[in-house]
Amino acid sequence: MPGGENRLDGAAPGAYSRGTMSAIQDSLSSIGLSELGILILLPIIFLAFVMKGMTGFGPGIVIVPIAALLFGAREAVLLIGILDLASNSVIVMTDRAARAHRFWLPMAVAMIAGSVAGSTLLRFVPQRDYTILLAIVVAVVGAWFLSGRRTRHGLALMSELPERVRPVDVGVALASGLFGGLFGLAGLLIAWYLGSIFTKELFRRVIVHILLVSAAARVFTYAATGMLTTEVLLLAAGAIPLLLAGLYCGDRLLPRISENWFGRVIGIVLLIAAGRMML
């Protein structure tokens, strides 16, 4: 604008920018996130979304244990809910493949029910009581991925979707949504289940559609129950550029890795996360 006439209080651009950054810093400090914490968290977010771009899931498994140590478990769960919503939206919008609604939509509806229940319970359940159990589950799933994703009954991984959804598919989705609402780890159970059925390309395509609906339900419930705060929203907004860069890099890496290495990458990340939660 000529002469800067429309700037607030006639402040110089640099002064206004410094004031805004200072306000953001103060806001993040109020949830216990220091400058060092930000420097630790930002590269973790980038790497988590590289994995998301490759596999279709996983940021919560990487981010939640570390973020919980930096600024609190509940805030970490709220943060990953927002980032899950953003990242799954981006992947679904850029996926040009056909959408098989008959398979994933019933699972997504079940995840909504589980997500709403878990998100509501988050207000009342002391998460520390579940940490060790959760870590054990994460470690078991990680070891399974690392061992080569052995399928049930020795069948080959599927490259095409089945004709229709089964009750067991819906049940796993319901339990996975509950995990997501409580712990920010919606992808854990569903990744184990779908990983035992589908090839890496089909696995990613299906899981992101299901997790998108789940993330939307979680964020809506967090907002409706008054748990979302300005501090968490600011932190999520600041993480968006890293999220997009990570998704781009992960998407480019996906065709370059084999099915075995795909499982190993997921398994290593899960085992690291489990070990971190047990400390």
C-alpha atoms as a PDB file:
ATOM      1  CA  MET A   1       0.000   0.000   0.000  1.00  0.00           C
ATOM      2  CA  PRO A   2       1.434   3.439  -0.866  1.00  0.00           C
ATOM      3  CA  GLY A   3       2.867   5.226   2.123  1.00  0.00           C
ATOM      4  CA  GLY A   4       1.832   2.355   4.403  1.00  0.00           C
ATOM      5  CA  GLU A   5      -1.426   4.199   5.171  1.00  0.00           C
ATOM      6  CA  ASN A   6      -3.443   1.042   5.854  1.00  0.00           C
ATOM      7  CA  ARG A   7      -0.990  -0.608   8.225  1.00  0.00           C
ATOM      8  CA  LEU A   8      -2.127  -1.014  11.799  1.00  0.00           C
ATOM      9  CA  ASP A   9      -1.079   2.002  13.894  1.00  0.00           C
ATOM     10  CA  GLY A  10       1.209   3.119  11.066  1.00  0.00           C
ATOM     11  CA  ALA A  11       3.859   0.639  12.252  1.00  0.00           C
ATOM     12  CA  ALA A  12       6.765  -0.241  10.027  1.00  0.00           C
ATOM     13  CA  PRO A  13       6.526  -3.705   8.408  1.00  0.00           C
ATOM     14  CA  GLY A  14       9.490  -5.033  10.375  1.00  0.00           C
ATOM     15  CA  ALA A  15       8.101  -3.784  13.668  1.00  0.00           C
ATOM     16  CA  TYR A  16       4.695  -5.308  12.964  1.00  0.00           C
ATOM     17  CA  SER A  17       6.303  -8.616  11.939  1.00  0.00           C
ATOM     18  CA  ARG A  18       8.474  -8.681  15.059  1.00  0.00           C
ATOM     19  CA  GLY A  19       5.426  -7.939  17.222  1.00  0.00           C
ATOM     20  CA  THR A  20       3.458 -10.760  15.594  1.00  0.00           C
ATOM     21  CA  MET A  21       6.305 -13.262  16.038  1.00  0.00           C
ATOM     22  CA  SER A  22       6.704 -12.162  19.636  1.00  0.00           C
ATOM     23  CA  ALA A  23       3.012 -12.758  20.270  1.00  0.00           C
ATOM     24  CA  ILE A  24       3.247 -16.238  18.727  1.00  0.00           C
ATOM     25  CA  GLN A  25       6.302 -17.038  20.838  1.00  0.00           C
ATOM     26  CA  ASP A  26       4.549 -15.887  24.018  1.00  0.00           C
ATOM     27  CA  SER A  27       1.518 -17.950  23.074  1.00  0.00           C
ATOM     28  CA  LEU A  28       3.588 -21.120  22.543  1.00  0.00           C
ATOM     29  CA  SER A  29       5.517 -20.497  25.752  1.00  0.00           C
ATOM     30  CA  SER A  30       2.233 -20.642  27.635  1.00  0.00           C
ATOM     31  CA  ILE A  31       1.941 -24.375  26.832  1.00  0.00           C
ATOM     32  CA  GLY A  32       5.529 -24.957  27.923  1.00  0.00           C
ATOM     33  CA  LEU A  33       7.132 -25.075  24.475  1.00  0.00           C
ATOM     34  CA  SER A  34      10.530 -23.343  24.589  1.00  0.00           C
ATOM     35  CA  GLU A  35      12.619 -22.160  21.648  1.00  0.00           C
ATOM     36  CA  LEU A  36      14.730 -25.312  22.005  1.00  0.00           C
ATOM     37  CA  GLY A  37      11.529 -27.371  21.995  1.00  0.00           C
ATOM     38  CA  ILE A  38      10.462 -25.730  18.737  1.00  0.00           C
ATOM     39  CA  LEU A  39      13.872 -26.495  17.177  1.00  0.00           C
ATOM     40  CA  ILE A  40      13.483 -30.141  18.207  1.00  0.00           C
ATOM     41  CA  LEU A  41       9.855 -30.448  17.120  1.00  0.00           C
ATOM     42  CA  LEU A  42      10.011 -28.891  13.640  1.00  0.00           C
ATOM     43  CA  PRO A  43      12.403 -31.421  12.016  1.00  0.00           C
ATOM     44  CA  ILE A  44      10.477 -34.239  13.713  1.00  0.00           C
ATOM     45  CA  ILE A  45       7.296 -32.950  12.053  1.00  0.00           C
ATOM     46  CA  PHE A  46       9.029 -32.847   8.660  1.00  0.00           C
ATOM     47  CA  LEU A  47      10.360 -36.417   8.969  1.00  0.00           C
ATOM     48  CA  ALA A  48       6.995 -37.669  10.243  1.00  0.00           C
ATOM     49  CA  PHE A  49       5.254 -36.338   7.144  1.00  0.00           C
ATOM     50  CA  VAL A  50       7.922 -37.749   4.841  1.00  0.00           C
ATOM     51  CA  MET A  51       6.816 -41.094   6.273  1.00  0.00           C
ATOM     52  CA  LYS A  52       3.181 -40.076   5.828  1.00  0.00           C
ATOM     53  CA  GLY A  53       3.822 -39.313   2.163  1.00  0.00           C
ATOM     54  CA  MET A  54       5.433 -42.734   1.732  1.00  0.00           C
ATOM     55  CA  THR A  55       3.092 -44.902   3.776  1.00  0.00           C
ATOM     56  CA  GLY A  56      -0.186 -43.006   4.221  1.00  0.00           C
ATOM     57  CA  PHE A  57       0.001 -43.062   8.013  1.00  0.00           C
ATOM     58  CA  GLY A  58       2.358 -42.607  10.935  1.00  0.00           C
ATOM     59  CA  PRO A  59       2.832 -38.932  11.948  1.00  0.00           C
ATOM     60  CA  GLY A  60       1.019 -39.452  15.240  1.00  0.00           C
ATOM     61  CA  ILE A  61       3.229 -42.400  16.128  1.00  0.00           C
ATOM     62  CA  VAL A  62       6.322 -40.241  15.631  1.00  0.00           C
ATOM     63  CA  ILE A  63       5.075 -36.840  16.824  1.00  0.00           C
ATOM     64  CA  VAL A  64       2.832 -37.644  19.803  1.00  0.00           C
ATOM     65  CA  PRO A  65       5.447 -39.304  22.097  1.00  0.00           C
ATOM     66  CA  ILE A  66       8.005 -36.529  21.457  1.00  0.00           C
ATOM     67  CA  ALA A  67       5.532 -33.647  21.570  1.00  0.00           C
ATOM     68  CA  ALA A  68       4.070 -35.043  24.788  1.00  0.00           C
ATOM     69  CA  LEU A  69       7.492 -34.759  26.396  1.00  0.00           C
ATOM     70  CA  LEU A  70       7.975 -31.203  25.094  1.00  0.00           C
ATOM     71  CA  PHE A  71       4.646 -29.602  25.969  1.00  0.00           C
ATOM     72  CA  GLY A  72       2.066 -32.100  27.235  1.00  0.00           C
ATOM     73  CA  ALA A  73       0.235 -35.232  26.146  1.00  0.00           C
ATOM     74  CA  ARG A  74      -3.196 -33.702  25.627  1.00  0.00           C
ATOM     75  CA  GLU A  75      -1.843 -30.817  23.551  1.00  0.00           C
ATOM     76  CA  ALA A  76       0.160 -33.315  21.473  1.00  0.00           C
ATOM     77  CA  VAL A  77      -2.999 -35.297  20.710  1.00  0.00           C
ATOM     78  CA  LEU A  78      -4.855 -32.117  19.739  1.00  0.00           C
ATOM     79  CA  LEU A  79      -1.976 -31.011  17.492  1.00  0.00           C
ATOM     80  CA  ILE A  80      -1.758 -34.297  15.615  1.00  0.00           C
ATOM     81  CA  GLY A  81      -5.520 -34.268  15.062  1.00  0.00           C
ATOM     82  CA  ILE A  82      -5.247 -30.969  13.154  1.00  0.00           C
ATOM     83  CA  LEU A  83      -2.158 -32.069  11.214  1.00  0.00           C
ATOM     84  CA  ASP A  84      -3.795 -35.402  10.329  1.00  0.00           C
ATOM     85  CA  LEU A  85      -6.802 -33.549   8.948  1.00  0.00           C
ATOM     86  CA  ALA A  86      -4.583 -31.282   6.832  1.00  0.00           C
ATOM     87  CA  SER A  87      -2.268 -34.006   5.504  1.00  0.00           C
ATOM     88  CA  ASN A  88      -4.988 -36.517   4.636  1.00  0.00           C
ATOM     89  CA  SER A  89      -6.924 -33.767   2.851  1.00  0.00           C
ATOM     90  CA  VAL A  90      -3.872 -32.934   0.721  1.00  0.00           C
ATOM     91  CA  ILE A  91      -3.220 -36.578  -0.230  1.00  0.00           C
ATOM     92  CA  VAL A  92      -6.864 -37.312  -1.067  1.00  0.00           C
ATOM     93  CA  MET A  93      -7.154 -34.166  -3.208  1.00  0.00           C
ATOM     94  CA  THR A  94      -4.043 -35.099  -5.204  1.00  0.00           C
ATOM     95  CA  ASP A  95      -4.917 -38.794  -5.612  1.00  0.00           C
ATOM     96  CA  ARG A  96      -6.165 -39.211  -9.179  1.00  0.00           C
ATOM     97  CA  ALA A  97      -6.993 -42.891  -8.786  1.00  0.00           C
ATOM     98  CA  ALA A  98     -10.563 -44.145  -8.587  1.00  0.00           C
ATOM     99  CA  ARG A  99     -12.210 -43.897  -5.168  1.00  0.00           C
ATOM    100  CA  ALA A 100     -13.693 -47.227  -4.032  1.00  0.00           C
ATOM    101  CA  HIS A 101     -16.363 -45.878  -1.708  1.00  0.00           C
ATOM    102  CA  ARG A 102     -18.072 -49.216  -1.147  1.00  0.00           C
ATOM    103  CA  PHE A 103     -15.042 -50.550   0.696  1.00  0.00           C
ATOM    104  CA  TRP A 104     -13.595 -47.631   2.630  1.00  0.00           C
ATOM    105  CA  LEU A 105     -16.724 -45.570   3.392  1.00  0.00           C
ATOM    106  CA  PRO A 106     -18.296 -48.058   5.879  1.00  0.00           C
ATOM    107  CA  MET A 107     -14.895 -48.310   7.595  1.00  0.00           C
ATOM    108  CA  ALA A 108     -14.664 -44.521   7.705  1.00  0.00           C
ATOM    109  CA  VAL A 109     -18.112 -44.277   9.324  1.00  0.00           C
ATOM    110  CA  ALA A 110     -17.026 -46.799  11.972  1.00  0.00           C
ATOM    111  CA  MET A 111     -13.888 -44.750  12.588  1.00  0.00           C
ATOM    112  CA  ILE A 112     -16.023 -41.637  13.071  1.00  0.00           C
ATOM    113  CA  ALA A 113     -17.979 -43.395  15.821  1.00  0.00           C
ATOM    114  CA  GLY A 114     -14.769 -44.577  17.475  1.00  0.00           C
ATOM    115  CA  SER A 115     -13.088 -41.181  17.070  1.00  0.00           C
ATOM    116  CA  VAL A 116     -15.971 -39.291  18.677  1.00  0.00           C
ATOM    117  CA  ALA A 117     -16.043 -41.745  21.596  1.00  0.00           C
ATOM    118  CA  GLY A 118     -12.277 -41.573  22.076  1.00  0.00           C
ATOM    119  CA  SER A 119     -12.135 -37.793  21.699  1.00  0.00           C
ATOM    120  CA  THR A 120     -14.843 -37.386  24.336  1.00  0.00           C
ATOM    121  CA  LEU A 121     -13.087 -39.785  26.733  1.00  0.00           C
ATOM    122  CA  LEU A 122      -9.873 -37.784  26.355  1.00  0.00           C
ATOM    123  CA  ARG A 123     -11.316 -35.207  28.756  1.00  0.00           C
ATOM    124  CA  PHE A 124     -11.645 -37.797  31.526  1.00  0.00           C
ATOM    125  CA  VAL A 125      -9.105 -40.599  31.026  1.00  0.00           C
ATOM    126  CA  PRO A 126      -5.620 -40.190  32.589  1.00  0.00           C
ATOM    127  CA  GLN A 127      -3.429 -41.115  29.628  1.00  0.00           C
ATOM    128  CA  ARG A 128      -0.399 -42.037  31.717  1.00  0.00           C
ATOM    129  CA  ASP A 129      -2.226 -45.177  32.904  1.00  0.00           C
ATOM    130  CA  TYR A 130      -2.242 -46.461  29.314  1.00  0.00           C
ATOM    131  CA  THR A 131       1.268 -45.504  28.220  1.00  0.00           C
ATOM    132  CA  ILE A 132       3.023 -48.836  28.863  1.00  0.00           C
ATOM    133  CA  LEU A 133       0.207 -50.903  27.357  1.00  0.00           C
ATOM    134  CA  LEU A 134       0.133 -48.648  24.318  1.00  0.00           C
ATOM    135  CA  ALA A 135       3.905 -48.904  23.941  1.00  0.00           C
ATOM    136  CA  ILE A 136       3.693 -52.708  23.984  1.00  0.00           C
ATOM    137  CA  VAL A 137       1.010 -52.701  21.276  1.00  0.00           C
ATOM    138  CA  VAL A 138       3.081 -50.306  19.141  1.00  0.00           C
ATOM    139  CA  ALA A 139       6.167 -52.504  19.585  1.00  0.00           C
ATOM    140  CA  VAL A 140       4.300 -55.684  18.570  1.00  0.00           C
ATOM    141  CA  VAL A 141       2.905 -54.054  15.427  1.00  0.00           C
ATOM    142  CA  GLY A 142       6.335 -52.598  14.636  1.00  0.00           C
ATOM    143  CA  ALA A 143       7.994 -56.005  14.961  1.00  0.00           C
ATOM    144  CA  TRP A 144       5.369 -57.485  12.649  1.00  0.00           C
ATOM    145  CA  PHE A 145       6.026 -54.860   9.974  1.00  0.00           C
ATOM    146  CA  LEU A 146       9.780 -55.333  10.395  1.00  0.00           C
ATOM    147  CA  SER A 147       9.438 -59.114   9.963  1.00  0.00           C
ATOM    148  CA  GLY A 148       8.067 -58.672   6.446  1.00  0.00           C
ATOM    149  CA  ARG A 149       4.316 -58.130   6.951  1.00  0.00           C
ATOM    150  CA  ARG A 150       3.387 -61.798   6.893  1.00  0.00           C
ATOM    151  CA  THR A 151      -0.184 -62.074   5.667  1.00  0.00           C
ATOM    152  CA  ARG A 152      -2.887 -64.158   7.250  1.00  0.00           C
ATOM    153  CA  HIS A 153      -2.951 -67.768   5.949  1.00  0.00           C
ATOM    154  CA  GLY A 154       0.152 -67.056   3.833  1.00  0.00           C
ATOM    155  CA  LEU A 155      -1.851 -65.304   1.085  1.00  0.00           C
ATOM    156  CA  ALA A 156      -0.211 -62.770  -1.238  1.00  0.00           C
ATOM    157  CA  LEU A 157      -0.838 -59.063  -0.710  1.00  0.00           C
ATOM    158  CA  MET A 158      -3.813 -57.779  -2.725  1.00  0.00           C
ATOM    159  CA  SER A 159      -3.396 -55.086  -5.387  1.00  0.00           C
ATOM    160  CA  GLU A 160      -7.144 -54.593  -5.927  1.00  0.00           C
ATOM    161  CA  LEU A 161      -9.912 -53.832  -3.455  1.00  0.00           C
ATOM    162  CA  PRO A 162     -12.367 -56.586  -2.428  1.00  0.00           C
ATOM    163  CA  GLU A 163     -15.948 -56.409  -3.657  1.00  0.00           C
ATOM    164  CA  ARG A 164     -17.422 -55.337  -0.321  1.00  0.00           C
ATOM    165  CA  VAL A 165     -16.516 -54.574   3.271  1.00  0.00           C
ATOM    166  CA  ARG A 166     -16.762 -57.281   5.960  1.00  0.00           C
ATOM    167  CA  PRO A 167     -17.776 -57.033   9.647  1.00  0.00           C
ATOM    168  CA  VAL A 168     -14.169 -57.551  10.763  1.00  0.00           C
ATOM    169  CA  ASP A 169     -13.101 -54.576   8.589  1.00  0.00           C
ATOM    170  CA  VAL A 170     -15.656 -52.364  10.322  1.00  0.00           C
ATOM    171  CA  GLY A 171     -14.675 -53.639  13.781  1.00  0.00           C
ATOM    172  CA  VAL A 172     -11.003 -52.841  13.260  1.00  0.00           C
ATOM    173  CA  ALA A 173     -11.926 -49.375  11.991  1.00  0.00           C
ATOM    174  CA  LEU A 174     -14.087 -48.721  15.077  1.00  0.00           C
ATOM    175  CA  ALA A 175     -11.266 -49.729  17.450  1.00  0.00           C
ATOM    176  CA  SER A 176      -8.757 -47.695  15.446  1.00  0.00           C
ATOM    177  CA  GLY A 177     -10.948 -44.592  15.696  1.00  0.00           C
ATOM    178  CA  LEU A 178     -11.148 -45.036  19.471  1.00  0.00           C
ATOM    179  CA  PHE A 179      -7.345 -45.189  19.640  1.00  0.00           C
ATOM    180  CA  GLY A 180      -7.130 -42.077  17.526  1.00  0.00           C
ATOM    181  CA  GLY A 181      -9.443 -40.037  19.704  1.00  0.00           C
ATOM    182  CA  LEU A 182      -7.701 -41.072  22.930  1.00  0.00           C
ATOM    183  CA  PHE A 183      -4.056 -41.203  21.909  1.00  0.00           C
ATOM    184  CA  GLY A 184      -3.758 -39.500  18.500  1.00  0.00           C
ATOM    185  CA  LEU A 185      -2.743 -42.870  16.988  1.00  0.00           C
ATOM    186  CA  ALA A 186      -5.671 -43.599  14.684  1.00  0.00           C
ATOM    187  CA  GLY A 187      -3.426 -45.220  12.085  1.00  0.00           C
ATOM    188  CA  LEU A 188      -1.959 -47.875  14.365  1.00  0.00           C
ATOM    189  CA  LEU A 189      -4.531 -50.686  14.287  1.00  0.00           C
ATOM    190  CA  ILE A 190      -5.826 -49.911  10.822  1.00  0.00           C
ATOM    191  CA  ALA A 191      -2.235 -49.939   9.492  1.00  0.00           C
ATOM    192  CA  TRP A 192      -1.610 -53.379  10.969  1.00  0.00           C
ATOM    193  CA  TYR A 193      -4.866 -54.698   9.509  1.00  0.00           C
ATOM    194  CA  LEU A 194      -4.682 -53.188   6.030  1.00  0.00           C
ATOM    195  CA  GLY A 195      -0.929 -53.852   5.897  1.00  0.00           C
ATOM    196  CA  SER A 196      -1.658 -57.578   6.117  1.00  0.00           C
ATOM    197  CA  ILE A 197      -3.990 -57.364   3.101  1.00  0.00           C
ATOM    198  CA  PHE A 198      -2.846 -54.783   0.541  1.00  0.00           C
ATOM    199  CA  THR A 199       0.245 -53.844  -1.464  1.00  0.00           C
ATOM    200  CA  LYS A 200       1.959 -50.575  -0.512  1.00  0.00           C
ATOM    201  CA  GLU A 201       0.194 -48.477  -3.203  1.00  0.00           C
ATOM    202  CA  LEU A 202      -3.285 -49.761  -2.384  1.00  0.00           C
ATOM    203  CA  PHE A 203      -2.530 -49.637   1.348  1.00  0.00           C
ATOM    204  CA  ARG A 204      -1.744 -45.910   1.178  1.00  0.00           C
ATOM    205  CA  ARG A 205      -4.702 -45.081  -1.072  1.00  0.00           C
ATOM    206  CA  VAL A 206      -7.232 -46.777   1.200  1.00  0.00           C
ATOM    207  CA  ILE A 207      -5.836 -45.691   4.557  1.00  0.00           C
ATOM    208  CA  VAL A 208      -5.706 -41.966   3.777  1.00  0.00           C
ATOM    209  CA  HIS A 209      -9.395 -41.875   2.829  1.00  0.00           C
ATOM    210  CA  ILE A 210     -10.355 -43.601   6.074  1.00  0.00           C
ATOM    211  CA  LEU A 211      -8.023 -41.478   8.220  1.00  0.00           C
ATOM    212  CA  LEU A 212      -9.275 -38.245   6.637  1.00  0.00           C
ATOM    213  CA  VAL A 213     -12.816 -38.878   7.850  1.00  0.00           C
ATOM    214  CA  SER A 214     -11.523 -39.969  11.257  1.00  0.00           C
ATOM    215  CA  ALA A 215      -9.371 -36.839  11.630  1.00  0.00           C
ATOM    216  CA  ALA A 216     -12.293 -34.576  10.714  1.00  0.00           C
ATOM    217  CA  ALA A 217     -14.438 -36.233  13.393  1.00  0.00           C
ATOM    218  CA  ARG A 218     -11.682 -35.889  16.007  1.00  0.00           C
ATOM    219  CA  VAL A 219     -11.009 -32.212  15.319  1.00  0.00           C
ATOM    220  CA  PHE A 220     -14.730 -31.408  15.301  1.00  0.00           C
ATOM    221  CA  THR A 221     -15.171 -33.167  18.660  1.00  0.00           C
ATOM    222  CA  TYR A 222     -12.116 -31.439  20.169  1.00  0.00           C
ATOM    223  CA  ALA A 223     -13.509 -28.082  19.047  1.00  0.00           C
ATOM    224  CA  ALA A 224     -17.058 -28.823  20.213  1.00  0.00           C
ATOM    225  CA  THR A 225     -15.838 -29.828  23.679  1.00  0.00           C
ATOM    226  CA  GLY A 226     -13.700 -26.693  24.026  1.00  0.00           C
ATOM    227  CA  MET A 227     -10.322 -28.448  24.083  1.00  0.00           C
ATOM    228  CA  LEU A 228      -8.744 -26.689  21.085  1.00  0.00           C
ATOM    229  CA  THR A 229      -6.693 -23.668  22.132  1.00  0.00           C
ATOM    230  CA  THR A 230      -5.130 -20.733  20.294  1.00  0.00           C
ATOM    231  CA  GLU A 231      -1.673 -22.067  21.171  1.00  0.00           C
ATOM    232  CA  VAL A 232      -2.302 -25.447  19.548  1.00  0.00           C
ATOM    233  CA  LEU A 233      -3.844 -23.823  16.464  1.00  0.00           C
ATOM    234  CA  LEU A 234      -0.836 -21.507  16.099  1.00  0.00           C
ATOM    235  CA  LEU A 235       1.590 -24.401  16.382  1.00  0.00           C
ATOM    236  CA  ALA A 236      -0.381 -26.404  13.794  1.00  0.00           C
ATOM    237  CA  ALA A 237      -0.416 -23.429  11.407  1.00  0.00           C
ATOM    238  CA  GLY A 238       3.346 -23.031  11.764  1.00  0.00           C
ATOM    239  CA  ALA A 239       3.849 -26.717  10.957  1.00  0.00           C
ATOM    240  CA  ILE A 240       1.897 -26.655   7.668  1.00  0.00           C
ATOM    241  CA  PRO A 241       4.884 -25.748   5.398  1.00  0.00           C
ATOM    242  CA  LEU A 242       6.902 -28.625   6.885  1.00  0.00           C
ATOM    243  CA  LEU A 243       3.905 -30.918   6.498  1.00  0.00           C
ATOM    244  CA  LEU A 244       3.607 -30.085   2.787  1.00  0.00           C
ATOM    245  CA  ALA A 245       7.354 -30.448   2.182  1.00  0.00           C
ATOM    246  CA  GLY A 246       7.371 -33.808   3.967  1.00  0.00           C
ATOM    247  CA  LEU A 247       4.400 -35.130   1.983  1.00  0.00           C
ATOM    248  CA  TYR A 248       6.058 -34.087  -1.288  1.00  0.00           C
ATOM    249  CA  CYS A 249       9.335 -35.850  -0.427  1.00  0.00           C
ATOM    250  CA  GLY A 250       7.568 -38.985   0.830  1.00  0.00           C
ATOM    251  CA  ASP A 251       5.391 -39.216  -2.283  1.00  0.00           C
ATOM    252  CA  ARG A 252       8.514 -39.101  -4.479  1.00  0.00           C
ATOM    253  CA  LEU A 253      10.169 -41.837  -2.417  1.00  0.00           C
ATOM    254  CA  LEU A 254       7.219 -44.289  -2.485  1.00  0.00           C
ATOM    255  CA  PRO A 255       7.865 -45.755  -5.982  1.00  0.00           C
ATOM    256  CA  ARG A 256      11.567 -46.175  -5.160  1.00  0.00           C
ATOM    257  CA  ILE A 257      11.157 -48.595  -2.248  1.00  0.00           C
ATOM    258  CA  SER A 258      10.237 -52.291  -2.359  1.00  0.00           C
ATOM    259  CA  GLU A 259       7.422 -53.911  -0.388  1.00  0.00           C
ATOM    260  CA  ASN A 260       9.992 -55.329   2.084  1.00  0.00           C
ATOM    261  CA  TRP A 261      11.674 -51.988   2.687  1.00  0.00           C
ATOM    262  CA  PHE A 262       8.266 -50.335   2.955  1.00  0.00           C
ATOM    263  CA  GLY A 263       7.446 -52.628   5.878  1.00  0.00           C
ATOM    264  CA  ARG A 264      10.875 -52.163   7.434  1.00  0.00           C
ATOM    265  CA  VAL A 265      10.594 -48.358   7.405  1.00  0.00           C
ATOM    266  CA  ILE A 266       7.244 -48.531   9.201  1.00  0.00           C
ATOM    267  CA  GLY A 267       8.511 -51.177  11.627  1.00  0.00           C
ATOM    268  CA  ILE A 268      11.601 -49.194  12.621  1.00  0.00           C
ATOM    269  CA  VAL A 269       9.550 -46.060  13.260  1.00  0.00           C
ATOM    270  CA  LEU A 270       7.053 -47.991  15.393  1.00  0.00           C
ATOM    271  CA  LEU A 271       9.763 -49.650  17.483  1.00  0.00           C
ATOM    272  CA  ILE A 272      11.503 -46.321  18.087  1.00  0.00           C
ATOM    273  CA  ALA A 273       8.200 -44.753  19.152  1.00  0.00           C
ATOM    274  CA  ALA A 274       7.448 -47.684  21.474  1.00  0.00           C
ATOM    275  CA  GLY A 275      10.842 -47.438  23.102  1.00  0.00           C
ATOM    276  CA  ARG A 276      10.400 -43.707  23.584  1.00  0.00           C
ATOM    277  CA  MET A 277       7.025 -44.206  25.269  1.00  0.00           C
ATOM    278  CA  MET A 278       8.495 -46.734  27.708  1.00  0.00           C
ATOM    279  CA  LEU A 279      11.211 -44.326  28.927  1.00  0.00           C
END
